[in-house]
Amino acid sequence: MMTIREDTPLRDILAVYPWLIDEAVRLDDRFRLLKTPIGRMLLKKATVADASARTGFPSQQIIAEITKMIEAHGAS
């Protein structure tokens, strides 16, 4: 499994686990932005810390949720 930290770019996470966008939207509707053209542009430079700032979720919570989704999906 990929190591995910606050400075991990979202594009790197989604390159390995592209299905996470759909899972993230189920977690919180604010992640729906990632599926828009503007969201795809933001993904080029955004990190987990940036997602935390935009959503109001603590970075560690985002990392924990991503990890939980990856484990539930059976991905490695």
PDB file of N, CA and C in Angstrom:
ATOM      1  N   MET A   1       0.852  -1.181   0.000  1.00  0.00           N
ATOM      2  CA  MET A   1       0.000   0.000   0.000  1.00  0.00           C
ATOM      3  C   MET A   1       0.893   1.237   0.000  1.00  0.00           C
ATOM      4  N   MET A   2       0.442   2.239  -0.687  1.00  0.00           N
ATOM      5  CA  MET A   2       1.151   3.509  -0.793  1.00  0.00           C
ATOM      6  C   MET A   2       1.173   4.227   0.553  1.00  0.00           C
ATOM      7  N   THR A   3       2.299   4.862   0.891  1.00  0.00           N
ATOM      8  CA  THR A   3       2.381   5.675   2.100  1.00  0.00           C
ATOM      9  C   THR A   3       1.775   7.040   1.800  1.00  0.00           C
ATOM     10  N   ILE A   4       0.799   7.430   2.601  1.00  0.00           N
ATOM     11  CA  ILE A   4       0.098   8.700   2.386  1.00  0.00           C
ATOM     12  C   ILE A   4       0.387   9.605   3.565  1.00  0.00           C
ATOM     13  N   ARG A   5       0.879  10.811   3.254  1.00  0.00           N
ATOM     14  CA  ARG A   5       1.180  11.823   4.267  1.00  0.00           C
ATOM     15  C   ARG A   5       0.492  13.119   3.862  1.00  0.00           C
ATOM     16  N   GLU A   6       0.614  14.124   4.725  1.00  0.00           N
ATOM     17  CA  GLU A   6      -0.015  15.422   4.432  1.00  0.00           C
ATOM     18  C   GLU A   6       0.511  16.049   3.148  1.00  0.00           C
ATOM     19  N   ASP A   7       1.775  15.800   2.826  1.00  0.00           N
ATOM     20  CA  ASP A   7       2.367  16.414   1.642  1.00  0.00           C
ATOM     21  C   ASP A   7       2.254  15.539   0.385  1.00  0.00           C
ATOM     22  N   THR A   8       1.520  14.439   0.476  1.00  0.00           N
ATOM     23  CA  THR A   8       1.328  13.567  -0.682  1.00  0.00           C
ATOM     24  C   THR A   8       0.380  14.238  -1.670  1.00  0.00           C
ATOM     25  N   PRO A   9       0.806  14.391  -2.916  1.00  0.00           N
ATOM     26  CA  PRO A   9      -0.087  14.983  -3.923  1.00  0.00           C
ATOM     27  C   PRO A   9      -1.287  14.076  -4.183  1.00  0.00           C
ATOM     28  N   LEU A  10      -2.450  14.681  -4.298  1.00  0.00           N
ATOM     29  CA  LEU A  10      -3.663  13.917  -4.574  1.00  0.00           C
ATOM     30  C   LEU A  10      -3.570  13.200  -5.913  1.00  0.00           C
ATOM     31  N   ARG A  11      -2.903  13.811  -6.888  1.00  0.00           N
ATOM     32  CA  ARG A  11      -2.776  13.174  -8.204  1.00  0.00           C
ATOM     33  C   ARG A  11      -2.018  11.857  -8.097  1.00  0.00           C
ATOM     34  N   ASP A  12      -1.037  11.785  -7.176  1.00  0.00           N
ATOM     35  CA  ASP A  12      -0.286  10.543  -6.994  1.00  0.00           C
ATOM     36  C   ASP A  12      -1.161   9.453  -6.385  1.00  0.00           C
ATOM     37  N   ILE A  13      -1.988   9.839  -5.423  1.00  0.00           N
ATOM     38  CA  ILE A  13      -2.895   8.876  -4.793  1.00  0.00           C
ATOM     39  C   ILE A  13      -3.889   8.354  -5.826  1.00  0.00           C
ATOM     40  N   LEU A  14      -4.454   9.270  -6.617  1.00  0.00           N
ATOM     41  CA  LEU A  14      -5.469   8.879  -7.594  1.00  0.00           C
ATOM     42  C   LEU A  14      -4.876   8.129  -8.777  1.00  0.00           C
ATOM     43  N   ALA A  15      -3.594   8.307  -9.036  1.00  0.00           N
ATOM     44  CA  ALA A  15      -2.946   7.536 -10.100  1.00  0.00           C
ATOM     45  C   ALA A  15      -2.900   6.052  -9.725  1.00  0.00           C
ATOM     46  N   VAL A  16      -2.728   5.785  -8.442  1.00  0.00           N
ATOM     47  CA  VAL A  16      -2.677   4.405  -7.956  1.00  0.00           C
ATOM     48  C   VAL A  16      -4.079   3.866  -7.675  1.00  0.00           C
ATOM     49  N   TYR A  17      -4.944   4.717  -7.139  1.00  0.00           N
ATOM     50  CA  TYR A  17      -6.297   4.319  -6.731  1.00  0.00           C
ATOM     51  C   TYR A  17      -7.328   5.255  -7.366  1.00  0.00           C
ATOM     52  N   PRO A  18      -7.542   5.175  -8.681  1.00  0.00           N
ATOM     53  CA  PRO A  18      -8.446   6.123  -9.351  1.00  0.00           C
ATOM     54  C   PRO A  18      -9.889   6.063  -8.859  1.00  0.00           C
ATOM     55  N   TRP A  19     -10.317   4.954  -8.323  1.00  0.00           N
ATOM     56  CA  TRP A  19     -11.682   4.781  -7.827  1.00  0.00           C
ATOM     57  C   TRP A  19     -11.931   5.576  -6.546  1.00  0.00           C
ATOM     58  N   LEU A  20     -10.879   6.128  -5.937  1.00  0.00           N
ATOM     59  CA  LEU A  20     -11.045   6.873  -4.685  1.00  0.00           C
ATOM     60  C   LEU A  20     -11.901   8.129  -4.842  1.00  0.00           C
ATOM     61  N   ILE A  21     -11.932   8.714  -6.027  1.00  0.00           N
ATOM     62  CA  ILE A  21     -12.774   9.907  -6.213  1.00  0.00           C
ATOM     63  C   ILE A  21     -14.229   9.564  -5.902  1.00  0.00           C
ATOM     64  N   ASP A  22     -14.721   8.460  -6.462  1.00  0.00           N
ATOM     65  CA  ASP A  22     -16.111   8.065  -6.211  1.00  0.00           C
ATOM     66  C   ASP A  22     -16.335   7.748  -4.736  1.00  0.00           C
ATOM     67  N   GLU A  23     -15.384   7.107  -4.110  1.00  0.00           N
ATOM     68  CA  GLU A  23     -15.503   6.779  -2.684  1.00  0.00           C
ATOM     69  C   GLU A  23     -15.482   8.053  -1.827  1.00  0.00           C
ATOM     70  N   ALA A  24     -14.644   9.012  -2.188  1.00  0.00           N
ATOM     71  CA  ALA A  24     -14.541  10.254  -1.419  1.00  0.00           C
ATOM     72  C   ALA A  24     -15.846  11.041  -1.456  1.00  0.00           C
ATOM     73  N   VAL A  25     -16.518  11.025  -2.600  1.00  0.00           N
ATOM     74  CA  VAL A  25     -17.800  11.728  -2.721  1.00  0.00           C
ATOM     75  C   VAL A  25     -18.822  11.117  -1.769  1.00  0.00           C
ATOM     76  N   ARG A  26     -18.762   9.812  -1.588  1.00  0.00           N
ATOM     77  CA  ARG A  26     -19.677   9.159  -0.647  1.00  0.00           C
ATOM     78  C   ARG A  26     -19.367   9.566   0.789  1.00  0.00           C
ATOM     79  N   LEU A  27     -18.097   9.843   1.066  1.00  0.00           N
ATOM     80  CA  LEU A  27     -17.679  10.268   2.405  1.00  0.00           C
ATOM     81  C   LEU A  27     -18.220  11.654   2.721  1.00  0.00           C
ATOM     82  N   ASP A  28     -18.057  12.571   1.784  1.00  0.00           N
ATOM     83  CA  ASP A  28     -18.526  13.944   1.980  1.00  0.00           C
ATOM     84  C   ASP A  28     -18.765  14.575   0.616  1.00  0.00           C
ATOM     85  N   ASP A  29     -19.902  15.223   0.453  1.00  0.00           N
ATOM     86  CA  ASP A  29     -20.287  15.804  -0.830  1.00  0.00           C
ATOM     87  C   ASP A  29     -19.313  16.872  -1.321  1.00  0.00           C
ATOM     88  N   ARG A  30     -18.554  17.476  -0.429  1.00  0.00           N
ATOM     89  CA  ARG A  30     -17.598  18.510  -0.850  1.00  0.00           C
ATOM     90  C   ARG A  30     -16.511  17.951  -1.764  1.00  0.00           C
ATOM     91  N   PHE A  31     -16.282  16.652  -1.714  1.00  0.00           N
ATOM     92  CA  PHE A  31     -15.285  16.042  -2.589  1.00  0.00           C
ATOM     93  C   PHE A  31     -15.793  15.908  -4.020  1.00  0.00           C
ATOM     94  N   ARG A  32     -17.069  16.214  -4.255  1.00  0.00           N
ATOM     95  CA  ARG A  32     -17.626  16.176  -5.609  1.00  0.00           C
ATOM     96  C   ARG A  32     -16.856  17.121  -6.539  1.00  0.00           C
ATOM     97  N   LEU A  33     -16.268  18.162  -5.973  1.00  0.00           N
ATOM     98  CA  LEU A  33     -15.471  19.110  -6.766  1.00  0.00           C
ATOM     99  C   LEU A  33     -14.382  18.397  -7.557  1.00  0.00           C
ATOM    100  N   LEU A  34     -13.852  17.310  -7.025  1.00  0.00           N
ATOM    101  CA  LEU A  34     -12.777  16.588  -7.698  1.00  0.00           C
ATOM    102  C   LEU A  34     -13.205  16.017  -9.046  1.00  0.00           C
ATOM    103  N   LYS A  35     -14.498  15.877  -9.255  1.00  0.00           N
ATOM    104  CA  LYS A  35     -15.004  15.299 -10.495  1.00  0.00           C
ATOM    105  C   LYS A  35     -15.341  16.353 -11.542  1.00  0.00           C
ATOM    106  N   THR A  36     -15.078  17.622 -11.255  1.00  0.00           N
ATOM    107  CA  THR A  36     -15.357  18.705 -12.183  1.00  0.00           C
ATOM    108  C   THR A  36     -14.081  19.093 -12.924  1.00  0.00           C
ATOM    109  N   PRO A  37     -14.213  19.825 -14.032  1.00  0.00           N
ATOM    110  CA  PRO A  37     -13.007  20.285 -14.740  1.00  0.00           C
ATOM    111  C   PRO A  37     -12.088  21.137 -13.851  1.00  0.00           C
ATOM    112  N   ILE A  38     -12.667  21.984 -13.030  1.00  0.00           N
ATOM    113  CA  ILE A  38     -11.854  22.800 -12.120  1.00  0.00           C
ATOM    114  C   ILE A  38     -11.155  21.906 -11.104  1.00  0.00           C
ATOM    115  N   GLY A  39     -11.870  20.922 -10.595  1.00  0.00           N
ATOM    116  CA  GLY A  39     -11.289  19.989  -9.638  1.00  0.00           C
ATOM    117  C   GLY A  39     -10.124  19.220 -10.228  1.00  0.00           C
ATOM    118  N   ARG A  40     -10.268  18.799 -11.474  1.00  0.00           N
ATOM    119  CA  ARG A  40      -9.168  18.075 -12.126  1.00  0.00           C
ATOM    120  C   ARG A  40      -7.942  18.974 -12.285  1.00  0.00           C
ATOM    121  N   MET A  41      -8.157  20.264 -12.509  1.00  0.00           N
ATOM    122  CA  MET A  41      -7.023  21.202 -12.580  1.00  0.00           C
ATOM    123  C   MET A  41      -6.372  21.344 -11.206  1.00  0.00           C
ATOM    124  N   LEU A  42      -7.203  21.435 -10.153  1.00  0.00           N
ATOM    125  CA  LEU A  42      -6.668  21.563  -8.795  1.00  0.00           C
ATOM    126  C   LEU A  42      -5.865  20.332  -8.389  1.00  0.00           C
ATOM    127  N   LEU A  43      -6.271  19.175  -8.873  1.00  0.00           N
ATOM    128  CA  LEU A  43      -5.590  17.932  -8.515  1.00  0.00           C
ATOM    129  C   LEU A  43      -4.130  17.905  -8.963  1.00  0.00           C
ATOM    130  N   LYS A  44      -3.801  18.696  -9.952  1.00  0.00           N
ATOM    131  CA  LYS A  44      -2.428  18.690 -10.455  1.00  0.00           C
ATOM    132  C   LYS A  44      -1.427  19.125  -9.396  1.00  0.00           C
ATOM    133  N   LYS A  45      -1.849  19.996  -8.473  1.00  0.00           N
ATOM    134  CA  LYS A  45      -0.929  20.514  -7.463  1.00  0.00           C
ATOM    135  C   LYS A  45      -1.380  20.276  -6.027  1.00  0.00           C
ATOM    136  N   ALA A  46      -2.606  19.870  -5.819  1.00  0.00           N
ATOM    137  CA  ALA A  46      -3.161  19.743  -4.470  1.00  0.00           C
ATOM    138  C   ALA A  46      -2.567  18.558  -3.711  1.00  0.00           C
ATOM    139  N   THR A  47      -2.375  18.769  -2.418  1.00  0.00           N
ATOM    140  CA  THR A  47      -1.895  17.724  -1.525  1.00  0.00           C
ATOM    141  C   THR A  47      -3.014  17.354  -0.547  1.00  0.00           C
ATOM    142  N   VAL A  48      -2.746  16.370   0.284  1.00  0.00           N
ATOM    143  CA  VAL A  48      -3.708  16.004   1.322  1.00  0.00           C
ATOM    144  C   VAL A  48      -3.958  17.214   2.235  1.00  0.00           C
ATOM    145  N   ALA A  49      -2.902  17.962   2.549  1.00  0.00           N
ATOM    146  CA  ALA A  49      -3.056  19.155   3.396  1.00  0.00           C
ATOM    147  C   ALA A  49      -3.951  20.193   2.724  1.00  0.00           C
ATOM    148  N   ASP A  50      -3.848  20.344   1.417  1.00  0.00           N
ATOM    149  CA  ASP A  50      -4.718  21.273   0.687  1.00  0.00           C
ATOM    150  C   ASP A  50      -6.177  20.812   0.749  1.00  0.00           C
ATOM    151  N   ALA A  51      -6.393  19.511   0.596  1.00  0.00           N
ATOM    152  CA  ALA A  51      -7.755  18.969   0.704  1.00  0.00           C
ATOM    153  C   ALA A  51      -8.312  19.218   2.102  1.00  0.00           C
ATOM    154  N   SER A  52      -7.463  19.100   3.093  1.00  0.00           N
ATOM    155  CA  SER A  52      -7.868  19.360   4.473  1.00  0.00           C
ATOM    156  C   SER A  52      -8.319  20.808   4.634  1.00  0.00           C
ATOM    157  N   ALA A  53      -7.551  21.719   4.082  1.00  0.00           N
ATOM    158  CA  ALA A  53      -7.880  23.139   4.198  1.00  0.00           C
ATOM    159  C   ALA A  53      -9.200  23.466   3.493  1.00  0.00           C
ATOM    160  N   ARG A  54      -9.451  22.827   2.341  1.00  0.00           N
ATOM    161  CA  ARG A  54     -10.662  23.124   1.583  1.00  0.00           C
ATOM    162  C   ARG A  54     -11.911  22.485   2.173  1.00  0.00           C
ATOM    163  N   THR A  55     -11.754  21.330   2.815  1.00  0.00           N
ATOM    164  CA  THR A  55     -12.929  20.626   3.317  1.00  0.00           C
ATOM    165  C   THR A  55     -13.191  20.860   4.799  1.00  0.00           C
ATOM    166  N   GLY A  56     -12.159  21.256   5.534  1.00  0.00           N
ATOM    167  CA  GLY A  56     -12.312  21.432   6.968  1.00  0.00           C
ATOM    168  C   GLY A  56     -12.047  20.161   7.762  1.00  0.00           C
ATOM    169  N   PHE A  57     -11.782  19.055   7.068  1.00  0.00           N
ATOM    170  CA  PHE A  57     -11.406  17.809   7.743  1.00  0.00           C
ATOM    171  C   PHE A  57      -9.936  17.880   8.120  1.00  0.00           C
ATOM    172  N   PRO A  58      -9.552  17.432   9.311  1.00  0.00           N
ATOM    173  CA  PRO A  58      -8.125  17.370   9.651  1.00  0.00           C
ATOM    174  C   PRO A  58      -7.393  16.420   8.691  1.00  0.00           C
ATOM    175  N   SER A  59      -6.156  16.755   8.368  1.00  0.00           N
ATOM    176  CA  SER A  59      -5.370  15.930   7.447  1.00  0.00           C
ATOM    177  C   SER A  59      -5.313  14.482   7.893  1.00  0.00           C
ATOM    178  N   GLN A  60      -5.100  14.265   9.186  1.00  0.00           N
ATOM    179  CA  GLN A  60      -4.989  12.893   9.679  1.00  0.00           C
ATOM    180  C   GLN A  60      -6.293  12.120   9.500  1.00  0.00           C
ATOM    181  N   GLN A  61      -7.414  12.805   9.587  1.00  0.00           N
ATOM    182  CA  GLN A  61      -8.701  12.144   9.357  1.00  0.00           C
ATOM    183  C   GLN A  61      -8.828  11.753   7.886  1.00  0.00           C
ATOM    184  N   ILE A  62      -8.418  12.641   6.998  1.00  0.00           N
ATOM    185  CA  ILE A  62      -8.462  12.328   5.562  1.00  0.00           C
ATOM    186  C   ILE A  62      -7.579  11.127   5.269  1.00  0.00           C
ATOM    187  N   ILE A  63      -6.373  11.126   5.823  1.00  0.00           N
ATOM    188  CA  ILE A  63      -5.448  10.011   5.608  1.00  0.00           C
ATOM    189  C   ILE A  63      -6.054   8.712   6.144  1.00  0.00           C
ATOM    190  N   ALA A  64      -6.651   8.774   7.329  1.00  0.00           N
ATOM    191  CA  ALA A  64      -7.269   7.584   7.921  1.00  0.00           C
ATOM    192  C   ALA A  64      -8.419   7.074   7.057  1.00  0.00           C
ATOM    193  N   GLU A  65      -9.240   7.985   6.546  1.00  0.00           N
ATOM    194  CA  GLU A  65     -10.376   7.581   5.705  1.00  0.00           C
ATOM    195  C   GLU A  65      -9.900   6.984   4.386  1.00  0.00           C
ATOM    196  N   ILE A  66      -8.886   7.597   3.777  1.00  0.00           N
ATOM    197  CA  ILE A  66      -8.337   7.062   2.528  1.00  0.00           C
ATOM    198  C   ILE A  66      -7.790   5.658   2.777  1.00  0.00           C
ATOM    199  N   THR A  67      -7.043   5.505   3.858  1.00  0.00           N
ATOM    200  CA  THR A  67      -6.472   4.199   4.193  1.00  0.00           C
ATOM    201  C   THR A  67      -7.575   3.161   4.398  1.00  0.00           C
ATOM    202  N   LYS A  68      -8.627   3.561   5.101  1.00  0.00           N
ATOM    203  CA  LYS A  68      -9.747   2.650   5.350  1.00  0.00           C
ATOM    204  C   LYS A  68     -10.423   2.238   4.036  1.00  0.00           C
ATOM    205  N   MET A  69     -10.599   3.196   3.110  1.00  0.00           N
ATOM    206  CA  MET A  69     -11.221   2.886   1.837  1.00  0.00           C
ATOM    207  C   MET A  69     -10.353   1.944   1.011  1.00  0.00           C
ATOM    208  N   ILE A  70      -9.042   2.176   1.032  1.00  0.00           N
ATOM    209  CA  ILE A  70      -8.117   1.317   0.285  1.00  0.00           C
ATOM    210  C   ILE A  70      -8.169  -0.104   0.847  1.00  0.00           C
ATOM    211  N   GLU A  71      -8.130  -0.230   2.156  1.00  0.00           N
ATOM    212  CA  GLU A  71      -8.185  -1.550   2.780  1.00  0.00           C
ATOM    213  C   GLU A  71      -9.506  -2.250   2.487  1.00  0.00           C
ATOM    214  N   ALA A  72     -10.612  -1.505   2.543  1.00  0.00           N
ATOM    215  CA  ALA A  72     -11.927  -2.089   2.271  1.00  0.00           C
ATOM    216  C   ALA A  72     -12.052  -2.515   0.816  1.00  0.00           C
ATOM    217  N   HIS A  73     -11.358  -1.814  -0.050  1.00  0.00           N
ATOM    218  CA  HIS A  73     -11.416  -2.121  -1.480  1.00  0.00           C
ATOM    219  C   HIS A  73     -10.530  -3.313  -1.818  1.00  0.00           C
ATOM    220  N   GLY A  74      -9.696  -3.702  -0.848  1.00  0.00           N
ATOM    221  CA  GLY A  74      -8.804  -4.834  -1.073  1.00  0.00           C
ATOM    222  C   GLY A  74      -7.603  -4.484  -1.927  1.00  0.00           C
ATOM    223  N   ALA A  75      -7.330  -3.176  -2.042  1.00  0.00           N
ATOM    224  CA  ALA A  75      -6.190  -2.732  -2.844  1.00  0.00           C
ATOM    225  C   ALA A  75      -4.921  -2.798  -2.012  1.00  0.00           C
ATOM    226  N   SER A  76      -3.828  -2.931  -2.708  1.00  0.00           N
ATOM    227  CA  SER A  76      -2.539  -2.934  -2.001  1.00  0.00           C
ATOM    228  C   SER A  76      -1.618  -1.896  -2.577  1.00  0.00           C
TER     229      SER A  76
END
